[in-house]
Amino acid sequence: NQGVSGEDVKVKRLSKTGWLYTISTAVIL
């Protein structure tokens, strides 16, 4: 409800731990 032009949803950023988990999971899968 912040009125930023062009978007409807709140945006988040991924942490370093989140990146590590994402990359390792991707390789295995």
PDB file of all heavy atoms in Angstrom:
ATOM      1  N   ASN A   1       0.834  -1.208   0.000  1.00  0.00           N
ATOM      2  CA  ASN A   1       0.000   0.000   0.000  1.00  0.00           C
ATOM      3  C   ASN A   1       0.869   1.258   0.000  1.00  0.00           C
ATOM      4  O   ASN A   1       0.418   2.339   0.362  1.00  0.00           O
ATOM      5  CB  ASN A   1      -0.898   0.004   1.254  1.00  0.00           C
ATOM      6  CG  ASN A   1      -1.889  -1.141   1.254  1.00  0.00           C
ATOM      7  OD1 ASN A   1      -2.507  -1.434   0.230  1.00  0.00           O
ATOM      8  ND2 ASN A   1      -2.041  -1.794   2.400  1.00  0.00           N
ATOM      9  N   GLN A   2       2.135   1.072  -0.426  1.00  0.00           N
ATOM     10  CA  GLN A   2       3.085   2.177  -0.362  1.00  0.00           C
ATOM     11  C   GLN A   2       3.057   3.060  -1.596  1.00  0.00           C
ATOM     12  O   GLN A   2       3.730   4.075  -1.648  1.00  0.00           O
ATOM     13  CB  GLN A   2       4.500   1.633  -0.154  1.00  0.00           C
ATOM     14  CG  GLN A   2       4.650   0.932   1.197  1.00  0.00           C
ATOM     15  CD  GLN A   2       6.008   0.292   1.341  1.00  0.00           C
ATOM     16  OE1 GLN A   2       6.721   0.067   0.367  1.00  0.00           O
ATOM     17  NE2 GLN A   2       6.398  -0.002   2.564  1.00  0.00           N
ATOM     18  N   GLY A   3       2.310   2.668  -2.605  1.00  0.00           N
ATOM     19  CA  GLY A   3       2.133   3.521  -3.773  1.00  0.00           C
ATOM     20  C   GLY A   3       3.322   3.604  -4.697  1.00  0.00           C
ATOM     21  O   GLY A   3       3.478   4.563  -5.439  1.00  0.00           O
ATOM     22  N   VAL A   4       4.203   2.609  -4.710  1.00  0.00           N
ATOM     23  CA  VAL A   4       5.326   2.609  -5.639  1.00  0.00           C
ATOM     24  C   VAL A   4       4.793   2.289  -7.025  1.00  0.00           C
ATOM     25  O   VAL A   4       4.085   1.308  -7.211  1.00  0.00           O
ATOM     26  CB  VAL A   4       6.392   1.559  -5.227  1.00  0.00           C
ATOM     27  CG1 VAL A   4       7.532   1.562  -6.230  1.00  0.00           C
ATOM     28  CG2 VAL A   4       6.899   1.853  -3.836  1.00  0.00           C
ATOM     29  N   SER A   5       5.148   3.119  -7.999  1.00  0.00           N
ATOM     30  CA  SER A   5       4.615   2.971  -9.354  1.00  0.00           C
ATOM     31  C   SER A   5       4.994   1.641  -9.981  1.00  0.00           C
ATOM     32  O   SER A   5       6.154   1.252  -9.982  1.00  0.00           O
ATOM     33  CB  SER A   5       5.134   4.102 -10.240  1.00  0.00           C
ATOM     34  OG  SER A   5       4.691   3.932 -11.571  1.00  0.00           O
ATOM     35  N   GLY A   6       4.012   0.923 -10.495  1.00  0.00           N
ATOM     36  CA  GLY A   6       4.281  -0.260 -11.289  1.00  0.00           C
ATOM     37  C   GLY A   6       4.271  -1.578 -10.559  1.00  0.00           C
ATOM     38  O   GLY A   6       4.523  -2.611 -11.152  1.00  0.00           O
ATOM     39  N   GLU A   7       3.988  -1.619  -9.248  1.00  0.00           N
ATOM     40  CA  GLU A   7       3.995  -2.903  -8.568  1.00  0.00           C
ATOM     41  C   GLU A   7       2.822  -3.048  -7.607  1.00  0.00           C
ATOM     42  O   GLU A   7       2.231  -2.071  -7.157  1.00  0.00           O
ATOM     43  CB  GLU A   7       5.309  -3.155  -7.836  1.00  0.00           C
ATOM     44  CG  GLU A   7       5.849  -1.997  -7.023  1.00  0.00           C
ATOM     45  CD  GLU A   7       5.039  -1.661  -5.796  1.00  0.00           C
ATOM     46  OE1 GLU A   7       4.944  -2.497  -4.891  1.00  0.00           O
ATOM     47  OE2 GLU A   7       4.493  -0.558  -5.735  1.00  0.00           O
ATOM     48  N   ASP A   8       2.470  -4.304  -7.350  1.00  0.00           N
ATOM     49  CA  ASP A   8       1.371  -4.634  -6.450  1.00  0.00           C
ATOM     50  C   ASP A   8       1.838  -5.295  -5.159  1.00  0.00           C
ATOM     51  O   ASP A   8       1.110  -5.327  -4.189  1.00  0.00           O
ATOM     52  CB  ASP A   8       0.388  -5.594  -7.143  1.00  0.00           C
ATOM     53  CG  ASP A   8      -0.423  -4.906  -8.241  1.00  0.00           C
ATOM     54  OD1 ASP A   8      -0.550  -3.675  -8.185  1.00  0.00           O
ATOM     55  OD2 ASP A   8      -0.909  -5.601  -9.138  1.00  0.00           O
ATOM     56  N   VAL A   9       3.033  -5.892  -5.151  1.00  0.00           N
ATOM     57  CA  VAL A   9       3.463  -6.697  -4.008  1.00  0.00           C
ATOM     58  C   VAL A   9       4.750  -6.189  -3.378  1.00  0.00           C
ATOM     59  O   VAL A   9       5.532  -5.469  -4.002  1.00  0.00           O
ATOM     60  CB  VAL A   9       3.671  -8.174  -4.426  1.00  0.00           C
ATOM     61  CG1 VAL A   9       2.361  -8.793  -4.852  1.00  0.00           C
ATOM     62  CG2 VAL A   9       4.722  -8.286  -5.519  1.00  0.00           C
ATOM     63  N   LYS A  10       4.974  -6.593  -2.126  1.00  0.00           N
ATOM     64  CA  LYS A  10       6.180  -6.242  -1.392  1.00  0.00           C
ATOM     65  C   LYS A  10       7.326  -7.165  -1.814  1.00  0.00           C
ATOM     66  O   LYS A  10       7.155  -8.371  -1.899  1.00  0.00           O
ATOM     67  CB  LYS A  10       5.938  -6.362   0.108  1.00  0.00           C
ATOM     68  CG  LYS A  10       4.889  -5.392   0.623  1.00  0.00           C
ATOM     69  CD  LYS A  10       4.643  -5.584   2.105  1.00  0.00           C
ATOM     70  CE  LYS A  10       3.560  -4.617   2.608  1.00  0.00           C
ATOM     71  NZ  LYS A  10       3.274  -4.823   4.047  1.00  0.00           N
ATOM     72  N   VAL A  11       8.493  -6.598  -2.060  1.00  0.00           N
ATOM     73  CA  VAL A  11       9.653  -7.335  -2.556  1.00  0.00           C
ATOM     74  C   VAL A  11      10.622  -7.641  -1.411  1.00  0.00           C
ATOM     75  O   VAL A  11      10.817  -6.822  -0.525  1.00  0.00           O
ATOM     76  CB  VAL A  11      10.379  -6.514  -3.653  1.00  0.00           C
ATOM     77  CG1 VAL A  11      11.644  -7.228  -4.111  1.00  0.00           C
ATOM     78  CG2 VAL A  11       9.445  -6.261  -4.831  1.00  0.00           C
ATOM     79  N   LYS A  12      11.248  -8.853  -1.462  1.00  0.00           N
ATOM     80  CA  LYS A  12      12.225  -9.262  -0.449  1.00  0.00           C
ATOM     81  C   LYS A  12      13.558  -9.582  -1.125  1.00  0.00           C
ATOM     82  O   LYS A  12      13.628  -9.740  -2.350  1.00  0.00           O
ATOM     83  CB  LYS A  12      11.718 -10.491   0.318  1.00  0.00           C
ATOM     84  CG  LYS A  12      10.421 -10.245   1.081  1.00  0.00           C
ATOM     85  CD  LYS A  12      10.105 -11.398   2.026  1.00  0.00           C
ATOM     86  CE  LYS A  12       9.796 -12.673   1.267  1.00  0.00           C
ATOM     87  NZ  LYS A  12       9.396 -13.776   2.179  1.00  0.00           N
ATOM     88  N   ARG A  13      14.638  -9.703  -0.322  1.00  0.00           N
ATOM     89  CA  ARG A  13      15.967 -10.070  -0.824  1.00  0.00           C
ATOM     90  C   ARG A  13      16.435 -11.352  -0.144  1.00  0.00           C
ATOM     91  O   ARG A  13      16.115 -11.612   1.017  1.00  0.00           O
ATOM     92  CB  ARG A  13      16.979  -8.945  -0.567  1.00  0.00           C
ATOM     93  CG  ARG A  13      16.686  -7.630  -1.276  1.00  0.00           C
ATOM     94  CD  ARG A  13      16.731  -7.763  -2.788  1.00  0.00           C
ATOM     95  NE  ARG A  13      17.994  -8.294  -3.270  1.00  0.00           N
ATOM     96  CZ  ARG A  13      19.062  -7.540  -3.553  1.00  0.00           C
ATOM     97  NH1 ARG A  13      19.007  -6.221  -3.362  1.00  0.00           N
ATOM     98  NH2 ARG A  13      20.162  -8.090  -4.024  1.00  0.00           N
ATOM     99  N   LEU A  14      17.221 -12.143  -0.854  1.00  0.00           N
ATOM    100  CA  LEU A  14      17.714 -13.419  -0.355  1.00  0.00           C
ATOM    101  C   LEU A  14      19.006 -13.209   0.436  1.00  0.00           C
ATOM    102  O   LEU A  14      19.881 -12.436   0.022  1.00  0.00           O
ATOM    103  CB  LEU A  14      17.977 -14.361  -1.533  1.00  0.00           C
ATOM    104  CG  LEU A  14      18.027 -15.869  -1.279  1.00  0.00           C
ATOM    105  CD1 LEU A  14      16.696 -16.368  -0.741  1.00  0.00           C
ATOM    106  CD2 LEU A  14      18.374 -16.594  -2.576  1.00  0.00           C
ATOM    107  N   SER A  15      19.153 -13.908   1.566  1.00  0.00           N
ATOM    108  CA  SER A  15      20.353 -13.800   2.397  1.00  0.00           C
ATOM    109  C   SER A  15      21.466 -14.704   1.846  1.00  0.00           C
ATOM    110  O   SER A  15      21.235 -15.526   0.955  1.00  0.00           O
ATOM    111  CB  SER A  15      20.036 -14.223   3.837  1.00  0.00           C
ATOM    112  OG  SER A  15      19.697 -15.603   3.878  1.00  0.00           O
ATOM    113  N   LYS A  16      22.683 -14.576   2.394  1.00  0.00           N
ATOM    114  CA  LYS A  16      23.800 -15.430   1.974  1.00  0.00           C
ATOM    115  C   LYS A  16      23.517 -16.892   2.274  1.00  0.00           C
ATOM    116  O   LYS A  16      23.840 -17.784   1.488  1.00  0.00           O
ATOM    117  CB  LYS A  16      25.086 -14.977   2.673  1.00  0.00           C
ATOM    118  CG  LYS A  16      25.603 -13.621   2.209  1.00  0.00           C
ATOM    119  CD  LYS A  16      26.906 -13.270   2.905  1.00  0.00           C
ATOM    120  CE  LYS A  16      27.426 -11.912   2.423  1.00  0.00           C
ATOM    121  NZ  LYS A  16      28.693 -11.531   3.103  1.00  0.00           N
ATOM    122  N   THR A  17      22.913 -17.143   3.427  1.00  0.00           N
ATOM    123  CA  THR A  17      22.549 -18.513   3.787  1.00  0.00           C
ATOM    124  C   THR A  17      21.512 -19.059   2.809  1.00  0.00           C
ATOM    125  O   THR A  17      21.568 -20.228   2.399  1.00  0.00           O
ATOM    126  CB  THR A  17      21.977 -18.564   5.216  1.00  0.00           C
ATOM    127  OG1 THR A  17      22.946 -18.043   6.129  1.00  0.00           O
ATOM    128  CG2 THR A  17      21.621 -19.990   5.607  1.00  0.00           C
ATOM    129  N   GLY A  18      20.577 -18.211   2.435  1.00  0.00           N
ATOM    130  CA  GLY A  18      19.554 -18.617   1.469  1.00  0.00           C
ATOM    131  C   GLY A  18      20.157 -18.961   0.122  1.00  0.00           C
ATOM    132  O   GLY A  18      19.750 -19.927  -0.529  1.00  0.00           O
ATOM    133  N   TRP A  19      21.181 -18.196  -0.294  1.00  0.00           N
ATOM    134  CA  TRP A  19      21.873 -18.480  -1.551  1.00  0.00           C
ATOM    135  C   TRP A  19      22.597 -19.818  -1.501  1.00  0.00           C
ATOM    136  O   TRP A  19      22.579 -20.598  -2.459  1.00  0.00           O
ATOM    137  CB  TRP A  19      22.873 -17.377  -1.870  1.00  0.00           C
ATOM    138  CG  TRP A  19      22.369 -16.346  -2.818  1.00  0.00           C
ATOM    139  CD1 TRP A  19      22.268 -15.005  -2.603  1.00  0.00           C
ATOM    140  CD2 TRP A  19      21.907 -16.556  -4.157  1.00  0.00           C
ATOM    141  NE1 TRP A  19      21.754 -14.376  -3.712  1.00  0.00           N
ATOM    142  CE2 TRP A  19      21.530 -15.301  -4.683  1.00  0.00           C
ATOM    143  CE3 TRP A  19      21.760 -17.692  -4.954  1.00  0.00           C
ATOM    144  CZ2 TRP A  19      21.026 -15.147  -5.970  1.00  0.00           C
ATOM    145  CZ3 TRP A  19      21.250 -17.550  -6.241  1.00  0.00           C
ATOM    146  CH2 TRP A  19      20.900 -16.288  -6.740  1.00  0.00           C
ATOM    147  N   LEU A  20      23.278 -20.102  -0.383  1.00  0.00           N
ATOM    148  CA  LEU A  20      24.012 -21.350  -0.220  1.00  0.00           C
ATOM    149  C   LEU A  20      23.069 -22.538  -0.316  1.00  0.00           C
ATOM    150  O   LEU A  20      23.358 -23.536  -0.993  1.00  0.00           O
ATOM    151  CB  LEU A  20      24.745 -21.357   1.121  1.00  0.00           C
ATOM    152  CG  LEU A  20      25.554 -22.625   1.444  1.00  0.00           C
ATOM    153  CD1 LEU A  20      26.660 -22.819   0.417  1.00  0.00           C
ATOM    154  CD2 LEU A  20      26.132 -22.525   2.859  1.00  0.00           C
ATOM    155  N   TYR A  21      21.944 -22.438   0.347  1.00  0.00           N
ATOM    156  CA  TYR A  21      20.949 -23.500   0.316  1.00  0.00           C
ATOM    157  C   TYR A  21      20.386 -23.671  -1.098  1.00  0.00           C
ATOM    158  O   TYR A  21      20.199 -24.799  -1.577  1.00  0.00           O
ATOM    159  CB  TYR A  21      19.818 -23.167   1.289  1.00  0.00           C
ATOM    160  CG  TYR A  21      18.673 -24.162   1.269  1.00  0.00           C
ATOM    161  CD1 TYR A  21      18.792 -25.381   1.919  1.00  0.00           C
ATOM    162  CD2 TYR A  21      17.487 -23.870   0.592  1.00  0.00           C
ATOM    163  CE1 TYR A  21      17.754 -26.299   1.896  1.00  0.00           C
ATOM    164  CE2 TYR A  21      16.456 -24.775   0.569  1.00  0.00           C
ATOM    165  CZ  TYR A  21      16.587 -25.992   1.227  1.00  0.00           C
ATOM    166  OH  TYR A  21      15.566 -26.890   1.179  1.00  0.00           O
ATOM    167  N   THR A  22      20.137 -22.573  -1.777  1.00  0.00           N
ATOM    168  CA  THR A  22      19.569 -22.610  -3.120  1.00  0.00           C
ATOM    169  C   THR A  22      20.504 -23.285  -4.112  1.00  0.00           C
ATOM    170  O   THR A  22      20.093 -24.158  -4.889  1.00  0.00           O
ATOM    171  CB  THR A  22      19.251 -21.175  -3.610  1.00  0.00           C
ATOM    172  OG1 THR A  22      18.302 -20.571  -2.729  1.00  0.00           O
ATOM    173  CG2 THR A  22      18.692 -21.201  -5.025  1.00  0.00           C
ATOM    174  N   ILE A  23      21.795 -22.914  -4.079  1.00  0.00           N
ATOM    175  CA  ILE A  23      22.771 -23.458  -5.029  1.00  0.00           C
ATOM    176  C   ILE A  23      23.016 -24.946  -4.789  1.00  0.00           C
ATOM    177  O   ILE A  23      23.038 -25.752  -5.730  1.00  0.00           O
ATOM    178  CB  ILE A  23      24.102 -22.678  -4.937  1.00  0.00           C
ATOM    179  CG1 ILE A  23      23.893 -21.237  -5.429  1.00  0.00           C
ATOM    180  CG2 ILE A  23      25.182 -23.370  -5.771  1.00  0.00           C
ATOM    181  CD1 ILE A  23      25.096 -20.337  -5.225  1.00  0.00           C
ATOM    182  N   SER A  24      23.198 -25.342  -3.531  1.00  0.00           N
ATOM    183  CA  SER A  24      23.460 -26.751  -3.224  1.00  0.00           C
ATOM    184  C   SER A  24      22.269 -27.632  -3.585  1.00  0.00           C
ATOM    185  O   SER A  24      22.432 -28.735  -4.116  1.00  0.00           O
ATOM    186  CB  SER A  24      23.808 -26.916  -1.735  1.00  0.00           C
ATOM    187  OG  SER A  24      22.757 -26.436  -0.907  1.00  0.00           O
ATOM    188  N   THR A  25      21.081 -27.144  -3.326  1.00  0.00           N
ATOM    189  CA  THR A  25      19.873 -27.897  -3.671  1.00  0.00           C
ATOM    190  C   THR A  25      19.746 -28.049  -5.179  1.00  0.00           C
ATOM    191  O   THR A  25      19.381 -29.121  -5.681  1.00  0.00           O
ATOM    192  CB  THR A  25      18.617 -27.195  -3.125  1.00  0.00           C
ATOM    193  OG1 THR A  25      18.727 -27.063  -1.706  1.00  0.00           O
ATOM    194  CG2 THR A  25      17.364 -27.980  -3.456  1.00  0.00           C
ATOM    195  N   ALA A  26      20.065 -26.996  -5.914  1.00  0.00           N
ATOM    196  CA  ALA A  26      19.962 -27.022  -7.380  1.00  0.00           C
ATOM    197  C   ALA A  26      20.881 -28.084  -7.974  1.00  0.00           C
ATOM    198  O   ALA A  26      20.469 -28.856  -8.859  1.00  0.00           O
ATOM    199  CB  ALA A  26      20.288 -25.651  -7.953  1.00  0.00           C
ATOM    200  N   VAL A  27      22.126 -28.154  -7.505  1.00  0.00           N
ATOM    201  CA  VAL A  27      23.095 -29.120  -8.035  1.00  0.00           C
ATOM    202  C   VAL A  27      22.612 -30.547  -7.828  1.00  0.00           C
ATOM    203  O   VAL A  27      22.633 -31.384  -8.747  1.00  0.00           O
ATOM    204  CB  VAL A  27      24.472 -28.915  -7.380  1.00  0.00           C
ATOM    205  CG1 VAL A  27      25.429 -30.040  -7.788  1.00  0.00           C
ATOM    206  CG2 VAL A  27      25.058 -27.569  -7.773  1.00  0.00           C
ATOM    207  N   ILE A  28      22.145 -30.847  -6.619  1.00  0.00           N
ATOM    208  CA  ILE A  28      21.687 -32.200  -6.295  1.00  0.00           C
ATOM    209  C   ILE A  28      20.474 -32.591  -7.140  1.00  0.00           C
ATOM    210  O   ILE A  28      20.408 -33.685  -7.710  1.00  0.00           O
ATOM    211  CB  ILE A  28      21.336 -32.303  -4.796  1.00  0.00           C
ATOM    212  CG1 ILE A  28      22.599 -32.113  -3.947  1.00  0.00           C
ATOM    213  CG2 ILE A  28      20.676 -33.642  -4.480  1.00  0.00           C
ATOM    214  CD1 ILE A  28      22.331 -31.985  -2.457  1.00  0.00           C
ATOM    215  N   LEU A  29      19.517 -31.675  -7.260  1.00  0.00           N
ATOM    216  CA  LEU A  29      18.289 -31.979  -7.992  1.00  0.00           C
ATOM    217  C   LEU A  29      18.521 -32.104  -9.497  1.00  0.00           C
ATOM    218  O   LEU A  29      17.893 -32.934 -10.159  1.00  0.00           O
ATOM    219  CB  LEU A  29      17.238 -30.906  -7.717  1.00  0.00           C
ATOM    220  CG  LEU A  29      16.680 -30.867  -6.293  1.00  0.00           C
ATOM    221  CD1 LEU A  29      15.670 -29.733  -6.145  1.00  0.00           C
ATOM    222  CD2 LEU A  29      16.019 -32.199  -5.937  1.00  0.00           C
TER     223      LEU A  29
END
